[in-house]
Amino acid sequence: MQVQIHTDHHIEGTEAMGKWVSSAVADALDRFSGQISRVEVHLSDENGGKKTSPENKQCSLEARLEGHQPLVVKHHAATLNQALDGAADKLVRLIEKTLSRTAHV
């Protein structure tokens, strides 16, 4: 499973951040890794660092699941860590739902 990370111009995409994000995504989706070819991670700061609001960080995850259209989820939170964790939880539930639906067809 390949993990591609994209950030907006308000978030510095360091090597350490890349390792952290890749590891978090791989851990969350580990049981589906054989069925996912790629996950794209988009991290953004919706306020551009100007002012802080309770949930101005966003994480969008797009998973390429074999035999399915891409699955996309978004999560807003106060920190990037919380946004990534929330999006990963949503993606796990969406993959489970998608796979259970196709298993009954």
PDB file of N, CA and C in Angstrom:
ATOM      1  N   MET A   1       0.850  -1.171   0.000  1.00  0.00           N
ATOM      2  CA  MET A   1       0.000   0.000   0.000  1.00  0.00           C
ATOM      3  C   MET A   1       0.901   1.240   0.000  1.00  0.00           C
ATOM      4  N   GLN A   2       0.681   2.054  -0.997  1.00  0.00           N
ATOM      5  CA  GLN A   2       1.451   3.289  -1.135  1.00  0.00           C
ATOM      6  C   GLN A   2       0.702   4.434  -0.448  1.00  0.00           C
ATOM      7  N   VAL A   3       1.418   5.274   0.292  1.00  0.00           N
ATOM      8  CA  VAL A   3       0.819   6.427   0.954  1.00  0.00           C
ATOM      9  C   VAL A   3       1.444   7.690   0.366  1.00  0.00           C
ATOM     10  N   GLN A   4       0.610   8.542  -0.223  1.00  0.00           N
ATOM     11  CA  GLN A   4       1.068   9.821  -0.776  1.00  0.00           C
ATOM     12  C   GLN A   4       0.538  10.940   0.102  1.00  0.00           C
ATOM     13  N   ILE A   5       1.419  11.871   0.461  1.00  0.00           N
ATOM     14  CA  ILE A   5       1.049  12.938   1.381  1.00  0.00           C
ATOM     15  C   ILE A   5       1.132  14.281   0.666  1.00  0.00           C
ATOM     16  N   HIS A   6       0.075  15.070   0.816  1.00  0.00           N
ATOM     17  CA  HIS A   6       0.012  16.403   0.229  1.00  0.00           C
ATOM     18  C   HIS A   6      -0.352  17.383   1.343  1.00  0.00           C
ATOM     19  N   THR A   7       0.312  18.530   1.363  1.00  0.00           N
ATOM     20  CA  THR A   7      -0.011  19.568   2.342  1.00  0.00           C
ATOM     21  C   THR A   7      -0.285  20.873   1.616  1.00  0.00           C
ATOM     22  N   ASP A   8      -1.048  21.742   2.275  1.00  0.00           N
ATOM     23  CA  ASP A   8      -1.250  23.064   1.685  1.00  0.00           C
ATOM     24  C   ASP A   8      -0.026  23.921   2.027  1.00  0.00           C
ATOM     25  N   HIS A   9      -0.004  25.160   1.561  1.00  0.00           N
ATOM     26  CA  HIS A   9       1.178  25.988   1.761  1.00  0.00           C
ATOM     27  C   HIS A   9       1.303  26.545   3.178  1.00  0.00           C
ATOM     28  N   HIS A  10       0.373  26.206   4.067  1.00  0.00           N
ATOM     29  CA  HIS A  10       0.455  26.632   5.461  1.00  0.00           C
ATOM     30  C   HIS A  10       1.004  25.536   6.369  1.00  0.00           C
ATOM     31  N   ILE A  11       1.185  24.348   5.821  1.00  0.00           N
ATOM     32  CA  ILE A  11       1.702  23.226   6.609  1.00  0.00           C
ATOM     33  C   ILE A  11       2.994  22.747   5.958  1.00  0.00           C
ATOM     34  N   GLU A  12       4.049  22.725   6.746  1.00  0.00           N
ATOM     35  CA  GLU A  12       5.344  22.298   6.234  1.00  0.00           C
ATOM     36  C   GLU A  12       5.414  20.770   6.220  1.00  0.00           C
ATOM     37  N   GLY A  13       5.583  20.211   5.036  1.00  0.00           N
ATOM     38  CA  GLY A  13       5.644  18.765   4.882  1.00  0.00           C
ATOM     39  C   GLY A  13       7.054  18.238   5.083  1.00  0.00           C
ATOM     40  N   THR A  14       7.468  18.094   6.331  1.00  0.00           N
ATOM     41  CA  THR A  14       8.813  17.630   6.647  1.00  0.00           C
ATOM     42  C   THR A  14       8.915  16.114   6.493  1.00  0.00           C
ATOM     43  N   GLU A  15      10.132  15.640   6.476  1.00  0.00           N
ATOM     44  CA  GLU A  15      10.361  14.199   6.389  1.00  0.00           C
ATOM     45  C   GLU A  15       9.791  13.481   7.614  1.00  0.00           C
ATOM     46  N   ALA A  16       9.964  14.089   8.779  1.00  0.00           N
ATOM     47  CA  ALA A  16       9.436  13.493  10.016  1.00  0.00           C
ATOM     48  C   ALA A  16       7.910  13.408   9.958  1.00  0.00           C
ATOM     49  N   MET A  17       7.268  14.450   9.436  1.00  0.00           N
ATOM     50  CA  MET A  17       5.814  14.426   9.314  1.00  0.00           C
ATOM     51  C   MET A  17       5.398  13.324   8.353  1.00  0.00           C
ATOM     52  N   GLY A  18       6.123  13.176   7.249  1.00  0.00           N
ATOM     53  CA  GLY A  18       5.816  12.136   6.278  1.00  0.00           C
ATOM     54  C   GLY A  18       5.880  10.745   6.891  1.00  0.00           C
ATOM     55  N   LYS A  19       6.895  10.517   7.704  1.00  0.00           N
ATOM     56  CA  LYS A  19       7.027   9.213   8.369  1.00  0.00           C
ATOM     57  C   LYS A  19       5.883   8.996   9.355  1.00  0.00           C
ATOM     58  N   TRP A  20       5.550  10.033  10.113  1.00  0.00           N
ATOM     59  CA  TRP A  20       4.472   9.934  11.093  1.00  0.00           C
ATOM     60  C   TRP A  20       3.138   9.642  10.401  1.00  0.00           C
ATOM     61  N   VAL A  21       2.825  10.396   9.344  1.00  0.00           N
ATOM     62  CA  VAL A  21       1.556  10.215   8.640  1.00  0.00           C
ATOM     63  C   VAL A  21       1.500   8.832   7.987  1.00  0.00           C
ATOM     64  N   SER A  22       2.558   8.434   7.306  1.00  0.00           N
ATOM     65  CA  SER A  22       2.590   7.117   6.658  1.00  0.00           C
ATOM     66  C   SER A  22       2.401   5.995   7.661  1.00  0.00           C
ATOM     67  N   SER A  23       3.061   6.108   8.799  1.00  0.00           N
ATOM     68  CA  SER A  23       2.956   5.088   9.842  1.00  0.00           C
ATOM     69  C   SER A  23       1.535   5.037  10.412  1.00  0.00           C
ATOM     70  N   ALA A  24       0.955   6.203  10.679  1.00  0.00           N
ATOM     71  CA  ALA A  24      -0.404   6.249  11.244  1.00  0.00           C
ATOM     72  C   ALA A  24      -1.422   5.657  10.269  1.00  0.00           C
ATOM     73  N   VAL A  25      -1.292   5.981   8.985  1.00  0.00           N
ATOM     74  CA  VAL A  25      -2.219   5.451   7.982  1.00  0.00           C
ATOM     75  C   VAL A  25      -2.032   3.943   7.835  1.00  0.00           C
ATOM     76  N   ALA A  26      -0.785   3.494   7.760  1.00  0.00           N
ATOM     77  CA  ALA A  26      -0.515   2.064   7.618  1.00  0.00           C
ATOM     78  C   ALA A  26      -1.035   1.279   8.816  1.00  0.00           C
ATOM     79  N   ASP A  27      -0.855   1.812  10.011  1.00  0.00           N
ATOM     80  CA  ASP A  27      -1.349   1.133  11.222  1.00  0.00           C
ATOM     81  C   ASP A  27      -2.878   1.042  11.211  1.00  0.00           C
ATOM     82  N   ALA A  28      -3.533   2.137  10.856  1.00  0.00           N
ATOM     83  CA  ALA A  28      -4.999   2.168  10.876  1.00  0.00           C
ATOM     84  C   ALA A  28      -5.605   1.229   9.832  1.00  0.00           C
ATOM     85  N   LEU A  29      -4.946   1.122   8.675  1.00  0.00           N
ATOM     86  CA  LEU A  29      -5.509   0.341   7.567  1.00  0.00           C
ATOM     87  C   LEU A  29      -4.814  -1.001   7.361  1.00  0.00           C
ATOM     88  N   ASP A  30      -4.049  -1.427   8.327  1.00  0.00           N
ATOM     89  CA  ASP A  30      -3.229  -2.634   8.202  1.00  0.00           C
ATOM     90  C   ASP A  30      -4.013  -3.860   7.730  1.00  0.00           C
ATOM     91  N   ARG A  31      -5.171  -4.102   8.287  1.00  0.00           N
ATOM     92  CA  ARG A  31      -5.917  -5.315   7.918  1.00  0.00           C
ATOM     93  C   ARG A  31      -6.471  -5.266   6.503  1.00  0.00           C
ATOM     94  N   PHE A  32      -6.492  -4.081   5.884  1.00  0.00           N
ATOM     95  CA  PHE A  32      -6.970  -3.944   4.506  1.00  0.00           C
ATOM     96  C   PHE A  32      -5.825  -3.739   3.512  1.00  0.00           C
ATOM     97  N   SER A  33      -4.584  -3.791   3.977  1.00  0.00           N
ATOM     98  CA  SER A  33      -3.441  -3.405   3.144  1.00  0.00           C
ATOM     99  C   SER A  33      -3.336  -4.214   1.851  1.00  0.00           C
ATOM    100  N   GLY A  34      -3.777  -5.438   1.852  1.00  0.00           N
ATOM    101  CA  GLY A  34      -3.733  -6.249   0.645  1.00  0.00           C
ATOM    102  C   GLY A  34      -4.761  -5.847  -0.396  1.00  0.00           C
ATOM    103  N   GLN A  35      -5.759  -5.080   0.019  1.00  0.00           N
ATOM    104  CA  GLN A  35      -6.834  -4.672  -0.884  1.00  0.00           C
ATOM    105  C   GLN A  35      -6.730  -3.206  -1.313  1.00  0.00           C
ATOM    106  N   ILE A  36      -5.819  -2.466  -0.678  1.00  0.00           N
ATOM    107  CA  ILE A  36      -5.659  -1.043  -0.984  1.00  0.00           C
ATOM    108  C   ILE A  36      -4.343  -0.848  -1.726  1.00  0.00           C
ATOM    109  N   SER A  37      -4.438  -0.236  -2.903  1.00  0.00           N
ATOM    110  CA  SER A  37      -3.205   0.019  -3.658  1.00  0.00           C
ATOM    111  C   SER A  37      -2.561   1.336  -3.244  1.00  0.00           C
ATOM    112  N   ARG A  38      -3.392   2.348  -2.930  1.00  0.00           N
ATOM    113  CA  ARG A  38      -2.842   3.661  -2.609  1.00  0.00           C
ATOM    114  C   ARG A  38      -3.796   4.432  -1.708  1.00  0.00           C
ATOM    115  N   VAL A  39      -3.196   5.232  -0.825  1.00  0.00           N
ATOM    116  CA  VAL A  39      -3.961   6.166   0.005  1.00  0.00           C
ATOM    117  C   VAL A  39      -3.331   7.546  -0.176  1.00  0.00           C
ATOM    118  N   GLU A  40      -4.154   8.512  -0.530  1.00  0.00           N
ATOM    119  CA  GLU A  40      -3.686   9.898  -0.635  1.00  0.00           C
ATOM    120  C   GLU A  40      -4.153  10.652   0.597  1.00  0.00           C
ATOM    121  N   VAL A  41      -3.214  11.334   1.234  1.00  0.00           N
ATOM    122  CA  VAL A  41      -3.487  12.099   2.446  1.00  0.00           C
ATOM    123  C   VAL A  41      -3.336  13.577   2.103  1.00  0.00           C
ATOM    124  N   HIS A  42      -4.358  14.356   2.384  1.00  0.00           N
ATOM    125  CA  HIS A  42      -4.319  15.800   2.151  1.00  0.00           C
ATOM    126  C   HIS A  42      -4.502  16.498   3.493  1.00  0.00           C
ATOM    127  N   LEU A  43      -3.476  17.237   3.916  1.00  0.00           N
ATOM    128  CA  LEU A  43      -3.525  17.957   5.183  1.00  0.00           C
ATOM    129  C   LEU A  43      -3.593  19.455   4.905  1.00  0.00           C
ATOM    130  N   SER A  44      -4.483  20.151   5.601  1.00  0.00           N
ATOM    131  CA  SER A  44      -4.592  21.587   5.369  1.00  0.00           C
ATOM    132  C   SER A  44      -4.950  22.328   6.643  1.00  0.00           C
ATOM    133  N   ASP A  45      -4.584  23.616   6.652  1.00  0.00           N
ATOM    134  CA  ASP A  45      -4.924  24.543   7.713  1.00  0.00           C
ATOM    135  C   ASP A  45      -5.887  25.542   7.090  1.00  0.00           C
ATOM    136  N   GLU A  46      -7.156  25.399   7.380  1.00  0.00           N
ATOM    137  CA  GLU A  46      -8.180  26.180   6.698  1.00  0.00           C
ATOM    138  C   GLU A  46      -8.140  27.674   7.001  1.00  0.00           C
ATOM    139  N   ASN A  47      -7.528  28.055   8.114  1.00  0.00           N
ATOM    140  CA  ASN A  47      -7.427  29.476   8.437  1.00  0.00           C
ATOM    141  C   ASN A  47      -6.074  30.049   8.045  1.00  0.00           C
ATOM    142  N   GLY A  48      -5.247  29.262   7.423  1.00  0.00           N
ATOM    143  CA  GLY A  48      -3.960  29.746   6.966  1.00  0.00           C
ATOM    144  C   GLY A  48      -3.053  30.222   8.074  1.00  0.00           C
ATOM    145  N   GLY A  49      -3.237  29.699   9.264  1.00  0.00           N
ATOM    146  CA  GLY A  49      -2.383  30.078  10.371  1.00  0.00           C
ATOM    147  C   GLY A  49      -2.669  31.465  10.934  1.00  0.00           C
ATOM    148  N   LYS A  50      -3.665  32.175  10.410  1.00  0.00           N
ATOM    149  CA  LYS A  50      -3.946  33.546  10.846  1.00  0.00           C
ATOM    150  C   LYS A  50      -4.608  33.583  12.219  1.00  0.00           C
ATOM    151  N   LYS A  51      -5.635  32.806  12.379  1.00  0.00           N
ATOM    152  CA  LYS A  51      -6.305  32.757  13.677  1.00  0.00           C
ATOM    153  C   LYS A  51      -6.690  31.314  13.953  1.00  0.00           C
ATOM    154  N   THR A  52      -6.788  31.031  15.199  1.00  0.00           N
ATOM    155  CA  THR A  52      -7.127  29.659  15.552  1.00  0.00           C
ATOM    156  C   THR A  52      -8.596  29.564  15.886  1.00  0.00           C
ATOM    157  N   SER A  53      -9.229  28.634  15.272  1.00  0.00           N
ATOM    158  CA  SER A  53     -10.603  28.303  15.615  1.00  0.00           C
ATOM    159  C   SER A  53     -10.576  26.865  16.116  1.00  0.00           C
ATOM    160  N   PRO A  54     -11.612  26.427  16.762  1.00  0.00           N
ATOM    161  CA  PRO A  54     -11.573  25.100  17.381  1.00  0.00           C
ATOM    162  C   PRO A  54     -11.215  23.962  16.420  1.00  0.00           C
ATOM    163  N   GLU A  55     -11.632  24.061  15.181  1.00  0.00           N
ATOM    164  CA  GLU A  55     -11.394  22.945  14.272  1.00  0.00           C
ATOM    165  C   GLU A  55     -10.955  23.457  12.899  1.00  0.00           C
ATOM    166  N   ASN A  56      -9.759  24.016  12.831  1.00  0.00           N
ATOM    167  CA  ASN A  56      -9.304  24.591  11.581  1.00  0.00           C
ATOM    168  C   ASN A  56      -8.342  23.691  10.806  1.00  0.00           C
ATOM    169  N   LYS A  57      -7.967  22.557  11.357  1.00  0.00           N
ATOM    170  CA  LYS A  57      -7.111  21.613  10.646  1.00  0.00           C
ATOM    171  C   LYS A  57      -8.002  20.570   9.966  1.00  0.00           C
ATOM    172  N   GLN A  58      -7.653  20.226   8.738  1.00  0.00           N
ATOM    173  CA  GLN A  58      -8.450  19.239   8.005  1.00  0.00           C
ATOM    174  C   GLN A  58      -7.547  18.150   7.447  1.00  0.00           C
ATOM    175  N   CYS A  59      -8.036  16.931   7.521  1.00  0.00           N
ATOM    176  CA  CYS A  59      -7.374  15.799   6.895  1.00  0.00           C
ATOM    177  C   CYS A  59      -8.381  15.118   5.982  1.00  0.00           C
ATOM    178  N   SER A  60      -7.984  14.931   4.742  1.00  0.00           N
ATOM    179  CA  SER A  60      -8.795  14.214   3.769  1.00  0.00           C
ATOM    180  C   SER A  60      -8.015  12.975   3.351  1.00  0.00           C
ATOM    181  N   LEU A  61      -8.668  11.832   3.382  1.00  0.00           N
ATOM    182  CA  LEU A  61      -8.042  10.577   2.970  1.00  0.00           C
ATOM    183  C   LEU A  61      -8.796  10.000   1.785  1.00  0.00           C
ATOM    184  N   GLU A  62      -8.071   9.592   0.763  1.00  0.00           N
ATOM    185  CA  GLU A  62      -8.665   8.950  -0.399  1.00  0.00           C
ATOM    186  C   GLU A  62      -7.982   7.609  -0.588  1.00  0.00           C
ATOM    187  N   ALA A  63      -8.755   6.539  -0.470  1.00  0.00           N
ATOM    188  CA  ALA A  63      -8.210   5.184  -0.592  1.00  0.00           C
ATOM    189  C   ALA A  63      -8.630   4.566  -1.916  1.00  0.00           C
ATOM    190  N   ARG A  64      -7.685   3.925  -2.580  1.00  0.00           N
ATOM    191  CA  ARG A  64      -7.952   3.196  -3.821  1.00  0.00           C
ATOM    192  C   ARG A  64      -8.089   1.721  -3.463  1.00  0.00           C
ATOM    193  N   LEU A  65      -9.321   1.290  -3.344  1.00  0.00           N
ATOM    194  CA  LEU A  65      -9.639  -0.082  -2.969  1.00  0.00           C
ATOM    195  C   LEU A  65      -9.890  -0.886  -4.241  1.00  0.00           C
ATOM    196  N   GLU A  66      -9.228  -2.019  -4.373  1.00  0.00           N
ATOM    197  CA  GLU A  66      -9.337  -2.830  -5.593  1.00  0.00           C
ATOM    198  C   GLU A  66     -10.790  -3.165  -5.909  1.00  0.00           C
ATOM    199  N   GLY A  67     -11.183  -2.899  -7.155  1.00  0.00           N
ATOM    200  CA  GLY A  67     -12.524  -3.233  -7.613  1.00  0.00           C
ATOM    201  C   GLY A  67     -13.599  -2.243  -7.206  1.00  0.00           C
ATOM    202  N   HIS A  68     -13.207  -1.096  -6.660  1.00  0.00           N
ATOM    203  CA  HIS A  68     -14.170  -0.097  -6.182  1.00  0.00           C
ATOM    204  C   HIS A  68     -13.743   1.296  -6.637  1.00  0.00           C
ATOM    205  N   GLN A  69     -14.696   2.199  -6.629  1.00  0.00           N
ATOM    206  CA  GLN A  69     -14.381   3.605  -6.848  1.00  0.00           C
ATOM    207  C   GLN A  69     -13.565   4.091  -5.647  1.00  0.00           C
ATOM    208  N   PRO A  70     -12.779   5.149  -5.812  1.00  0.00           N
ATOM    209  CA  PRO A  70     -12.021   5.673  -4.671  1.00  0.00           C
ATOM    210  C   PRO A  70     -12.960   6.055  -3.520  1.00  0.00           C
ATOM    211  N   LEU A  71     -12.521   5.783  -2.311  1.00  0.00           N
ATOM    212  CA  LEU A  71     -13.281   6.115  -1.110  1.00  0.00           C
ATOM    213  C   LEU A  71     -12.642   7.344  -0.474  1.00  0.00           C
ATOM    214  N   VAL A  72     -13.442   8.356  -0.158  1.00  0.00           N
ATOM    215  CA  VAL A  72     -12.913   9.614   0.368  1.00  0.00           C
ATOM    216  C   VAL A  72     -13.630   9.981   1.659  1.00  0.00           C
ATOM    217  N   VAL A  73     -12.837  10.394   2.655  1.00  0.00           N
ATOM    218  CA  VAL A  73     -13.379  10.895   3.917  1.00  0.00           C
ATOM    219  C   VAL A  73     -12.623  12.159   4.311  1.00  0.00           C
ATOM    220  N   LYS A  74     -13.267  12.998   5.111  1.00  0.00           N
ATOM    221  CA  LYS A  74     -12.640  14.217   5.636  1.00  0.00           C
ATOM    222  C   LYS A  74     -12.951  14.322   7.122  1.00  0.00           C
ATOM    223  N   HIS A  75     -11.995  14.938   7.836  1.00  0.00           N
ATOM    224  CA  HIS A  75     -12.231  15.186   9.256  1.00  0.00           C
ATOM    225  C   HIS A  75     -11.572  16.502   9.643  1.00  0.00           C
ATOM    226  N   HIS A  76     -12.306  17.327  10.398  1.00  0.00           N
ATOM    227  CA  HIS A  76     -11.800  18.592  10.914  1.00  0.00           C
ATOM    228  C   HIS A  76     -11.506  18.434  12.400  1.00  0.00           C
ATOM    229  N   ALA A  77     -10.427  19.067  12.852  1.00  0.00           N
ATOM    230  CA  ALA A  77     -10.075  18.993  14.273  1.00  0.00           C
ATOM    231  C   ALA A  77      -9.175  20.174  14.636  1.00  0.00           C
ATOM    232  N   ALA A  78      -8.843  20.266  15.910  1.00  0.00           N
ATOM    233  CA  ALA A  78      -7.997  21.344  16.401  1.00  0.00           C
ATOM    234  C   ALA A  78      -6.528  21.137  16.046  1.00  0.00           C
ATOM    235  N   THR A  79      -6.104  19.864  15.907  1.00  0.00           N
ATOM    236  CA  THR A  79      -4.704  19.567  15.578  1.00  0.00           C
ATOM    237  C   THR A  79      -4.655  18.611  14.384  1.00  0.00           C
ATOM    238  N   LEU A  80      -3.496  18.578  13.731  1.00  0.00           N
ATOM    239  CA  LEU A  80      -3.328  17.648  12.612  1.00  0.00           C
ATOM    240  C   LEU A  80      -3.422  16.203  13.080  1.00  0.00           C
ATOM    241  N   ASN A  81      -2.896  15.931  14.261  1.00  0.00           N
ATOM    242  CA  ASN A  81      -2.946  14.573  14.805  1.00  0.00           C
ATOM    243  C   ASN A  81      -4.392  14.115  14.978  1.00  0.00           C
ATOM    244  N   GLN A  82      -5.220  14.979  15.564  1.00  0.00           N
ATOM    245  CA  GLN A  82      -6.625  14.643  15.765  1.00  0.00           C
ATOM    246  C   GLN A  82      -7.362  14.520  14.428  1.00  0.00           C
ATOM    247  N   ALA A  83      -7.020  15.386  13.479  1.00  0.00           N
ATOM    248  CA  ALA A  83      -7.658  15.336  12.159  1.00  0.00           C
ATOM    249  C   ALA A  83      -7.312  14.033  11.443  1.00  0.00           C
ATOM    250  N   LEU A  84      -6.039  13.627  11.508  1.00  0.00           N
ATOM    251  CA  LEU A  84      -5.617  12.378  10.869  1.00  0.00           C
ATOM    252  C   LEU A  84      -6.274  11.167  11.539  1.00  0.00           C
ATOM    253  N   ASP A  85      -6.273  11.139  12.859  1.00  0.00           N
ATOM    254  CA  ASP A  85      -6.895  10.018  13.572  1.00  0.00           C
ATOM    255  C   ASP A  85      -8.388   9.917  13.266  1.00  0.00           C
ATOM    256  N   GLY A  86      -9.070  11.054  13.250  1.00  0.00           N
ATOM    257  CA  GLY A  86     -10.501  11.058  12.961  1.00  0.00           C
ATOM    258  C   GLY A  86     -10.800  10.596  11.546  1.00  0.00           C
ATOM    259  N   ALA A  87     -10.006  11.073  10.588  1.00  0.00           N
ATOM    260  CA  ALA A  87     -10.200  10.656   9.198  1.00  0.00           C
ATOM    261  C   ALA A  87      -9.897   9.175   9.029  1.00  0.00           C
ATOM    262  N   ALA A  88      -8.857   8.690   9.687  1.00  0.00           N
ATOM    263  CA  ALA A  88      -8.512   7.268   9.598  1.00  0.00           C
ATOM    264  C   ALA A  88      -9.636   6.400  10.157  1.00  0.00           C
ATOM    265  N   ASP A  89     -10.219   6.810  11.285  1.00  0.00           N
ATOM    266  CA  ASP A  89     -11.344   6.061  11.861  1.00  0.00           C
ATOM    267  C   ASP A  89     -12.525   6.025  10.890  1.00  0.00           C
ATOM    268  N   LYS A  90     -12.827   7.175  10.273  1.00  0.00           N
ATOM    269  CA  LYS A  90     -13.922   7.226   9.307  1.00  0.00           C
ATOM    270  C   LYS A  90     -13.641   6.330   8.104  1.00  0.00           C
ATOM    271  N   LEU A  91     -12.388   6.327   7.644  1.00  0.00           N
ATOM    272  CA  LEU A  91     -12.048   5.520   6.474  1.00  0.00           C
ATOM    273  C   LEU A  91     -12.156   4.031   6.783  1.00  0.00           C
ATOM    274  N   VAL A  92     -11.728   3.610   7.959  1.00  0.00           N
ATOM    275  CA  VAL A  92     -11.854   2.202   8.353  1.00  0.00           C
ATOM    276  C   VAL A  92     -13.322   1.788   8.327  1.00  0.00           C
ATOM    277  N   ARG A  93     -14.197   2.614   8.895  1.00  0.00           N
ATOM    278  CA  ARG A  93     -15.630   2.287   8.914  1.00  0.00           C
ATOM    279  C   ARG A  93     -16.202   2.241   7.495  1.00  0.00           C
ATOM    280  N   LEU A  94     -15.776   3.175   6.633  1.00  0.00           N
ATOM    281  CA  LEU A  94     -16.275   3.199   5.262  1.00  0.00           C
ATOM    282  C   LEU A  94     -15.794   1.972   4.478  1.00  0.00           C
ATOM    283  N   ILE A  95     -14.549   1.566   4.673  1.00  0.00           N
ATOM    284  CA  ILE A  95     -14.037   0.367   3.998  1.00  0.00           C
ATOM    285  C   ILE A  95     -14.786  -0.865   4.485  1.00  0.00           C
ATOM    286  N   GLU A  96     -14.986  -0.984   5.792  1.00  0.00           N
ATOM    287  CA  GLU A  96     -15.737  -2.125   6.338  1.00  0.00           C
ATOM    288  C   GLU A  96     -17.137  -2.189   5.728  1.00  0.00           C
ATOM    289  N   LYS A  97     -17.804  -1.053   5.675  1.00  0.00           N
ATOM    290  CA  LYS A  97     -19.152  -0.991   5.120  1.00  0.00           C
ATOM    291  C   LYS A  97     -19.145  -1.356   3.642  1.00  0.00           C
ATOM    292  N   THR A  98     -18.193  -0.836   2.893  1.00  0.00           N
ATOM    293  CA  THR A  98     -18.098  -1.109   1.459  1.00  0.00           C
ATOM    294  C   THR A  98     -17.838  -2.584   1.205  1.00  0.00           C
ATOM    295  N   LEU A  99     -16.905  -3.157   1.941  1.00  0.00           N
ATOM    296  CA  LEU A  99     -16.574  -4.573   1.743  1.00  0.00           C
ATOM    297  C   LEU A  99     -17.707  -5.496   2.200  1.00  0.00           C
ATOM    298  N   SER A 100     -18.410  -5.136   3.256  1.00  0.00           N
ATOM    299  CA  SER A 100     -19.517  -5.989   3.705  1.00  0.00           C
ATOM    300  C   SER A 100     -20.671  -5.939   2.712  1.00  0.00           C
ATOM    301  N   ARG A 101     -20.874  -4.778   2.083  1.00  0.00           N
ATOM    302  CA  ARG A 101     -21.928  -4.664   1.067  1.00  0.00           C
ATOM    303  C   ARG A 101     -21.613  -5.533  -0.151  1.00  0.00           C
ATOM    304  N   THR A 102     -20.376  -5.534  -0.593  1.00  0.00           N
ATOM    305  CA  THR A 102     -20.016  -6.311  -1.787  1.00  0.00           C
ATOM    306  C   THR A 102     -19.926  -7.796  -1.478  1.00  0.00           C
ATOM    307  N   ALA A 103     -19.717  -8.149  -0.214  1.00  0.00           N
ATOM    308  CA  ALA A 103     -19.653  -9.563   0.152  1.00  0.00           C
ATOM    309  C   ALA A 103     -21.040 -10.210   0.087  1.00  0.00           C
ATOM    310  N   HIS A 104     -22.078  -9.399   0.208  1.00  0.00           N
ATOM    311  CA  HIS A 104     -23.447  -9.911   0.199  1.00  0.00           C
ATOM    312  C   HIS A 104     -24.089  -9.865  -1.189  1.00  0.00           C
ATOM    313  N   VAL A 105     -23.333  -9.424  -2.168  1.00  0.00           N
ATOM    314  CA  VAL A 105     -23.901  -9.300  -3.537  1.00  0.00           C
ATOM    315  C   VAL A 105     -23.770 -10.600  -4.267  1.00  0.00           C
TER     316      VAL A 105
END
